[in-house]
């Protein structure tokens, strides 16, 4: 029929486009585009984040994308010999990232949807008192697969490693970003039985800065 009535086809196409624009459904297939290109999906436009108190239950869509973009997280904390608990966490047991203190060490886990869990820990005992903890994540902007992680305390490198595979998508649809604990579902099996594994020390402030502008 399209071949037999090209004028009618053109009329119908124009009507569709007029109604689609009026009802804000253009571009057609836009939902598929953001599914295949999550970097263009909804996200907080800020490139720096400052937290000065515990954060509980901040929805992932409003939180910094620390599992997908190169960033540096700086934490002013106070530690004792037996300090323990989560410094920050994003996501849940089905997928997420978390950084915590336990038994004199600093730990970081990248949980890739339970398919692959990468845990990086510091070497040697952590200092006590007021310390500055830095966790730097570097993604390859071309490959977007692996991620290199470096942990520093008071400017000294205390641990590093590579996460072989990462995700560009959201970690969960119903979990959150937390500072000072891991609310809802815990990211790591290592503290699952102690969830929300609230940090028993003091966090003065937590600062996140992206290393890219994407």
C-alpha atoms as a PDB file:
ATOM      1  CA  UNK A   1       0.000   0.000   0.000  1.00  0.00           C
ATOM      2  CA  UNK A   2       2.920   2.331   0.671  1.00  0.00           C
ATOM      3  CA  UNK A   3       4.045   1.856  -2.920  1.00  0.00           C
ATOM      4  CA  UNK A   4       0.527   2.360  -4.230  1.00  0.00           C
ATOM      5  CA  UNK A   5      -0.210   5.482  -2.145  1.00  0.00           C
ATOM      6  CA  UNK A   6       3.075   7.366  -1.542  1.00  0.00           C
ATOM      7  CA  UNK A   7       1.233  10.658  -0.924  1.00  0.00           C
ATOM      8  CA  UNK A   8      -0.866   9.073   1.822  1.00  0.00           C
ATOM      9  CA  UNK A   9       2.258   7.529   3.366  1.00  0.00           C
ATOM     10  CA  UNK A  10       3.982  10.924   3.464  1.00  0.00           C
ATOM     11  CA  UNK A  11       0.871  12.446   5.082  1.00  0.00           C
ATOM     12  CA  UNK A  12       0.765   9.741   7.764  1.00  0.00           C
ATOM     13  CA  UNK A  13       4.494  10.081   8.485  1.00  0.00           C
ATOM     14  CA  UNK A  14       4.107  13.832   8.956  1.00  0.00           C
ATOM     15  CA  UNK A  15       1.133  13.367  11.272  1.00  0.00           C
ATOM     16  CA  UNK A  16       3.084  10.867  13.343  1.00  0.00           C
ATOM     17  CA  UNK A  17       6.046  13.236  13.670  1.00  0.00           C
ATOM     18  CA  UNK A  18       3.768  16.134  14.606  1.00  0.00           C
ATOM     19  CA  UNK A  19       2.047  14.115  17.349  1.00  0.00           C
ATOM     20  CA  UNK A  20       5.331  12.584  18.542  1.00  0.00           C
ATOM     21  CA  UNK A  21       6.854  16.026  18.992  1.00  0.00           C
ATOM     22  CA  UNK A  22       3.751  17.350  20.740  1.00  0.00           C
ATOM     23  CA  UNK A  23       3.813  14.422  23.169  1.00  0.00           C
ATOM     24  CA  UNK A  24       7.583  14.561  23.720  1.00  0.00           C
ATOM     25  CA  UNK A  25       8.452  11.085  22.467  1.00  0.00           C
ATOM     26  CA  UNK A  26      11.231  12.188  20.138  1.00  0.00           C
ATOM     27  CA  UNK A  27      13.795  10.899  19.442  1.00  0.00           C
ATOM     28  CA  UNK A  28      12.126   7.585  18.737  1.00  0.00           C
ATOM     29  CA  UNK A  29      14.168   4.822  20.406  1.00  0.00           C
ATOM     30  CA  UNK A  30      15.797   7.255  22.820  1.00  0.00           C
ATOM     31  CA  UNK A  31      15.250   4.820  25.678  1.00  0.00           C
ATOM     32  CA  UNK A  32      17.197   2.162  23.817  1.00  0.00           C
ATOM     33  CA  UNK A  33      20.005   4.636  23.195  1.00  0.00           C
ATOM     34  CA  UNK A  34      20.548   5.394  26.866  1.00  0.00           C
ATOM     35  CA  UNK A  35      20.366   1.678  27.623  1.00  0.00           C
ATOM     36  CA  UNK A  36      23.223   1.011  25.225  1.00  0.00           C
ATOM     37  CA  UNK A  37      25.026   4.251  26.124  1.00  0.00           C
ATOM     38  CA  UNK A  38      24.494   4.721  29.880  1.00  0.00           C
ATOM     39  CA  UNK A  39      27.018   7.567  29.962  1.00  0.00           C
ATOM     40  CA  UNK A  40      24.232   9.699  28.451  1.00  0.00           C
ATOM     41  CA  UNK A  41      21.644   8.547  30.974  1.00  0.00           C
ATOM     42  CA  UNK A  42      20.367  10.601  33.923  1.00  0.00           C
ATOM     43  CA  UNK A  43      23.028  11.434  36.480  1.00  0.00           C
ATOM     44  CA  UNK A  44      24.016  14.123  38.924  1.00  0.00           C
ATOM     45  CA  UNK A  45      25.825  16.810  36.870  1.00  0.00           C
ATOM     46  CA  UNK A  46      28.233  17.766  39.677  1.00  0.00           C
ATOM     47  CA  UNK A  47      31.924  16.877  39.376  1.00  0.00           C
ATOM     48  CA  UNK A  48      32.713  17.311  43.096  1.00  0.00           C
ATOM     49  CA  UNK A  49      30.845  16.160  46.173  1.00  0.00           C
ATOM     50  CA  UNK A  50      31.375  17.177  49.804  1.00  0.00           C
ATOM     51  CA  UNK A  51      29.915  15.231  52.726  1.00  0.00           C
ATOM     52  CA  UNK A  52      30.401  16.334  56.331  1.00  0.00           C
ATOM     53  CA  UNK A  53      28.186  13.835  58.139  1.00  0.00           C
ATOM     54  CA  UNK A  54      26.868  10.306  57.771  1.00  0.00           C
ATOM     55  CA  UNK A  55      24.854   9.739  54.605  1.00  0.00           C
ATOM     56  CA  UNK A  56      22.183   7.042  54.598  1.00  0.00           C
ATOM     57  CA  UNK A  57      20.021   5.927  51.696  1.00  0.00           C
ATOM     58  CA  UNK A  58      20.990   8.444  49.000  1.00  0.00           C
ATOM     59  CA  UNK A  59      19.519   7.009  45.748  1.00  0.00           C
ATOM     60  CA  UNK A  60      22.191   5.888  43.311  1.00  0.00           C
ATOM     61  CA  UNK A  61      20.843   8.077  40.496  1.00  0.00           C
ATOM     62  CA  UNK A  62      21.481  11.174  42.645  1.00  0.00           C
ATOM     63  CA  UNK A  63      24.863  10.001  43.946  1.00  0.00           C
ATOM     64  CA  UNK A  64      28.352  10.281  42.444  1.00  0.00           C
ATOM     65  CA  UNK A  65      29.129   7.549  39.884  1.00  0.00           C
ATOM     66  CA  UNK A  66      32.173   6.266  41.722  1.00  0.00           C
ATOM     67  CA  UNK A  67      31.933   2.814  40.104  1.00  0.00           C
ATOM     68  CA  UNK A  68      31.948   4.115  36.531  1.00  0.00           C
ATOM     69  CA  UNK A  69      34.180   7.220  36.395  1.00  0.00           C
ATOM     70  CA  UNK A  70      37.756   8.026  37.359  1.00  0.00           C
ATOM     71  CA  UNK A  71      37.702   9.710  40.746  1.00  0.00           C
ATOM     72  CA  UNK A  72      39.560  10.431  43.944  1.00  0.00           C
ATOM     73  CA  UNK A  73      37.836  10.027  47.293  1.00  0.00           C
ATOM     74  CA  UNK A  74      39.459  11.767  50.262  1.00  0.00           C
ATOM     75  CA  UNK A  75      38.340  10.973  53.787  1.00  0.00           C
ATOM     76  CA  UNK A  76      39.356  12.756  56.966  1.00  0.00           C
ATOM     77  CA  UNK A  77      38.877  10.148  59.668  1.00  0.00           C
ATOM     78  CA  UNK A  78      39.993   9.275  63.163  1.00  0.00           C
ATOM     79  CA  UNK A  79      41.190   5.705  63.702  1.00  0.00           C
ATOM     80  CA  UNK A  80      42.074   3.590  66.695  1.00  0.00           C
ATOM     81  CA  UNK A  81      43.834   0.217  66.831  1.00  0.00           C
ATOM     82  CA  UNK A  82      40.548  -1.652  66.646  1.00  0.00           C
ATOM     83  CA  UNK A  83      38.508   0.647  64.384  1.00  0.00           C
ATOM     84  CA  UNK A  84      36.071  -1.096  62.088  1.00  0.00           C
ATOM     85  CA  UNK A  85      33.188  -0.306  59.796  1.00  0.00           C
ATOM     86  CA  UNK A  86      32.232   0.978  56.370  1.00  0.00           C
ATOM     87  CA  UNK A  87      33.603   4.336  55.264  1.00  0.00           C
ATOM     88  CA  UNK A  88      31.437   4.493  52.150  1.00  0.00           C
ATOM     89  CA  UNK A  89      29.393   2.136  49.992  1.00  0.00           C
ATOM     90  CA  UNK A  90      27.384   2.241  46.780  1.00  0.00           C
ATOM     91  CA  UNK A  91      24.884  -0.411  45.737  1.00  0.00           C
ATOM     92  CA  UNK A  92      24.201  -3.741  47.403  1.00  0.00           C
ATOM     93  CA  UNK A  93      24.972  -7.440  47.500  1.00  0.00           C
ATOM     94  CA  UNK A  94      23.851  -7.872  43.880  1.00  0.00           C
ATOM     95  CA  UNK A  95      26.384  -5.264  42.735  1.00  0.00           C
ATOM     96  CA  UNK A  96      28.287  -2.373  44.260  1.00  0.00           C
ATOM     97  CA  UNK A  97      31.497  -0.882  45.609  1.00  0.00           C
ATOM     98  CA  UNK A  98      32.538  -0.409  49.216  1.00  0.00           C
ATOM     99  CA  UNK A  99      35.489   0.730  51.299  1.00  0.00           C
ATOM    100  CA  UNK A 100      35.836  -0.270  54.923  1.00  0.00           C
ATOM    101  CA  UNK A 101      38.221  -0.619  57.865  1.00  0.00           C
ATOM    102  CA  UNK A 102      38.657  -3.867  59.760  1.00  0.00           C
ATOM    103  CA  UNK A 103      41.392  -5.448  61.897  1.00  0.00           C
ATOM    104  CA  UNK A 104      43.861  -2.642  61.269  1.00  0.00           C
ATOM    105  CA  UNK A 105      43.512  -2.698  57.480  1.00  0.00           C
ATOM    106  CA  UNK A 106      41.694  -0.772  54.771  1.00  0.00           C
ATOM    107  CA  UNK A 107      39.653  -2.786  52.263  1.00  0.00           C
ATOM    108  CA  UNK A 108      38.013  -1.975  48.939  1.00  0.00           C
ATOM    109  CA  UNK A 109      35.652  -4.229  46.987  1.00  0.00           C
ATOM    110  CA  UNK A 110      34.255  -3.906  43.475  1.00  0.00           C
ATOM    111  CA  UNK A 111      31.313  -6.280  43.254  1.00  0.00           C
ATOM    112  CA  UNK A 112      30.449  -6.798  39.584  1.00  0.00           C
ATOM    113  CA  UNK A 113      26.880  -8.048  39.942  1.00  0.00           C
ATOM    114  CA  UNK A 114      28.109 -11.067  41.955  1.00  0.00           C
ATOM    115  CA  UNK A 115      29.753 -12.380  38.777  1.00  0.00           C
ATOM    116  CA  UNK A 116      33.164 -11.210  39.910  1.00  0.00           C
ATOM    117  CA  UNK A 117      34.254  -9.718  43.222  1.00  0.00           C
ATOM    118  CA  UNK A 118      37.599  -7.935  43.428  1.00  0.00           C
ATOM    119  CA  UNK A 119      38.938  -7.122  46.905  1.00  0.00           C
ATOM    120  CA  UNK A 120      42.002  -4.930  47.424  1.00  0.00           C
ATOM    121  CA  UNK A 121      43.503  -4.458  50.880  1.00  0.00           C
ATOM    122  CA  UNK A 122      46.306  -2.442  52.403  1.00  0.00           C
ATOM    123  CA  UNK A 123      49.652  -3.830  53.481  1.00  0.00           C
ATOM    124  CA  UNK A 124      50.653  -3.383  57.108  1.00  0.00           C
ATOM    125  CA  UNK A 125      48.754  -1.779  59.962  1.00  0.00           C
ATOM    126  CA  UNK A 126      47.020   1.557  59.539  1.00  0.00           C
ATOM    127  CA  UNK A 127      48.181   4.535  61.611  1.00  0.00           C
ATOM    128  CA  UNK A 128      45.961   5.723  64.430  1.00  0.00           C
ATOM    129  CA  UNK A 129      44.630   9.147  65.320  1.00  0.00           C
ATOM    130  CA  UNK A 130      43.544  11.670  62.707  1.00  0.00           C
ATOM    131  CA  UNK A 131      44.389  10.407  59.233  1.00  0.00           C
ATOM    132  CA  UNK A 132      43.710  11.364  55.616  1.00  0.00           C
ATOM    133  CA  UNK A 133      42.637   8.400  53.502  1.00  0.00           C
ATOM    134  CA  UNK A 134      42.681   8.604  49.709  1.00  0.00           C
ATOM    135  CA  UNK A 135      41.125   6.073  47.353  1.00  0.00           C
ATOM    136  CA  UNK A 136      41.901   6.811  43.713  1.00  0.00           C
ATOM    137  CA  UNK A 137      40.114   4.944  40.911  1.00  0.00           C
ATOM    138  CA  UNK A 138      41.390   5.261  37.337  1.00  0.00           C
ATOM    139  CA  UNK A 139      39.399   3.938  34.388  1.00  0.00           C
ATOM    140  CA  UNK A 140      40.836   3.569  30.898  1.00  0.00           C
ATOM    141  CA  UNK A 141      38.771   6.068  28.838  1.00  0.00           C
ATOM    142  CA  UNK A 142      39.229   3.989  25.669  1.00  0.00           C
ATOM    143  CA  UNK A 143      38.683   0.460  26.920  1.00  0.00           C
ATOM    144  CA  UNK A 144      36.274   1.245  29.773  1.00  0.00           C
ATOM    145  CA  UNK A 145      36.843  -2.242  31.101  1.00  0.00           C
ATOM    146  CA  UNK A 146      39.499  -2.487  33.833  1.00  0.00           C
ATOM    147  CA  UNK A 147      40.080  -0.038  36.660  1.00  0.00           C
ATOM    148  CA  UNK A 148      43.281   0.651  38.605  1.00  0.00           C
ATOM    149  CA  UNK A 149      42.935   1.486  42.278  1.00  0.00           C
ATOM    150  CA  UNK A 150      45.435   3.089  44.651  1.00  0.00           C
ATOM    151  CA  UNK A 151      44.914   3.601  48.387  1.00  0.00           C
ATOM    152  CA  UNK A 152      46.953   6.149  50.337  1.00  0.00           C
ATOM    153  CA  UNK A 153      47.034   7.121  53.987  1.00  0.00           C
ATOM    154  CA  UNK A 154      48.585  10.464  54.943  1.00  0.00           C
ATOM    155  CA  UNK A 155      50.012  10.700  51.432  1.00  0.00           C
ATOM    156  CA  UNK A 156      51.741   7.307  51.555  1.00  0.00           C
ATOM    157  CA  UNK A 157      50.694   4.513  49.207  1.00  0.00           C
ATOM    158  CA  UNK A 158      49.505   1.571  51.291  1.00  0.00           C
ATOM    159  CA  UNK A 159      47.752  -0.615  48.729  1.00  0.00           C
ATOM    160  CA  UNK A 160      46.911  -0.935  45.064  1.00  0.00           C
ATOM    161  CA  UNK A 161      45.380  -3.342  42.588  1.00  0.00           C
ATOM    162  CA  UNK A 162      43.416  -3.751  39.388  1.00  0.00           C
ATOM    163  CA  UNK A 163      39.740  -4.483  38.931  1.00  0.00           C
ATOM    164  CA  UNK A 164      39.715  -6.518  35.702  1.00  0.00           C
ATOM    165  CA  UNK A 165      36.136  -5.737  34.701  1.00  0.00           C
ATOM    166  CA  UNK A 166      33.807  -2.872  35.588  1.00  0.00           C
ATOM    167  CA  UNK A 167      30.359  -1.721  34.514  1.00  0.00           C
ATOM    168  CA  UNK A 168      29.055   1.369  32.783  1.00  0.00           C
ATOM    169  CA  UNK A 169      25.524   0.702  33.981  1.00  0.00           C
ATOM    170  CA  UNK A 170      23.879   1.357  37.331  1.00  0.00           C
ATOM    171  CA  UNK A 171      24.811  -1.055  40.085  1.00  0.00           C
ATOM    172  CA  UNK A 172      21.295  -1.535  41.425  1.00  0.00           C
ATOM    173  CA  UNK A 173      17.854  -0.063  40.895  1.00  0.00           C
ATOM    174  CA  UNK A 174      16.809  -0.053  44.535  1.00  0.00           C
ATOM    175  CA  UNK A 175      19.888   0.490  46.715  1.00  0.00           C
ATOM    176  CA  UNK A 176      21.870   3.549  47.663  1.00  0.00           C
ATOM    177  CA  UNK A 177      25.041   5.458  48.472  1.00  0.00           C
ATOM    178  CA  UNK A 178      26.063   5.684  52.130  1.00  0.00           C
ATOM    179  CA  UNK A 179      28.825   7.312  54.152  1.00  0.00           C
ATOM    180  CA  UNK A 180      29.715   5.791  57.520  1.00  0.00           C
ATOM    181  CA  UNK A 181      27.806   2.541  56.984  1.00  0.00           C
ATOM    182  CA  UNK A 182      26.281   0.264  54.341  1.00  0.00           C
ATOM    183  CA  UNK A 183      22.514   0.467  54.662  1.00  0.00           C
ATOM    184  CA  UNK A 184      19.973  -1.876  53.080  1.00  0.00           C
ATOM    185  CA  UNK A 185      21.807  -4.740  51.334  1.00  0.00           C
ATOM    186  CA  UNK A 186      25.549  -5.018  52.138  1.00  0.00           C
ATOM    187  CA  UNK A 187      27.948  -4.843  49.174  1.00  0.00           C
ATOM    188  CA  UNK A 188      30.495  -7.314  50.516  1.00  0.00           C
ATOM    189  CA  UNK A 189      30.134 -10.845  51.839  1.00  0.00           C
ATOM    190  CA  UNK A 190      33.072 -10.085  54.134  1.00  0.00           C
ATOM    191  CA  UNK A 191      30.894  -8.026  56.476  1.00  0.00           C
ATOM    192  CA  UNK A 192      27.495  -9.452  55.520  1.00  0.00           C
ATOM    193  CA  UNK A 193      26.780 -10.739  59.033  1.00  0.00           C
ATOM    194  CA  UNK A 194      27.718  -7.371  60.547  1.00  0.00           C
ATOM    195  CA  UNK A 195      25.627  -5.161  58.268  1.00  0.00           C
ATOM    196  CA  UNK A 196      25.090  -2.228  58.226  1.00  0.00           C
ATOM    197  CA  UNK A 197      28.614  -2.368  59.683  1.00  0.00           C
ATOM    198  CA  UNK A 198      28.528   1.213  60.895  1.00  0.00           C
ATOM    199  CA  UNK A 199      31.969   2.826  61.233  1.00  0.00           C
ATOM    200  CA  UNK A 200      32.825   3.132  64.919  1.00  0.00           C
ATOM    201  CA  UNK A 201      35.416   5.861  64.429  1.00  0.00           C
ATOM    202  CA  UNK A 202      34.868   9.461  63.368  1.00  0.00           C
ATOM    203  CA  UNK A 203      34.590  10.808  59.815  1.00  0.00           C
ATOM    204  CA  UNK A 204      35.254  14.530  59.652  1.00  0.00           C
ATOM    205  CA  UNK A 205      34.505  14.879  55.954  1.00  0.00           C
ATOM    206  CA  UNK A 206      34.451  12.918  52.727  1.00  0.00           C
ATOM    207  CA  UNK A 207      35.269  14.572  49.416  1.00  0.00           C
ATOM    208  CA  UNK A 208      34.796  13.064  45.957  1.00  0.00           C
ATOM    209  CA  UNK A 209      36.233  14.600  42.792  1.00  0.00           C
ATOM    210  CA  UNK A 210      35.957  13.194  39.292  1.00  0.00           C
ATOM    211  CA  UNK A 211      39.095  13.143  37.160  1.00  0.00           C
ATOM    212  CA  UNK A 212      37.073  13.585  33.944  1.00  0.00           C
ATOM    213  CA  UNK A 213      34.230  15.786  32.809  1.00  0.00           C
ATOM    214  CA  UNK A 214      32.069  13.117  31.149  1.00  0.00           C
END
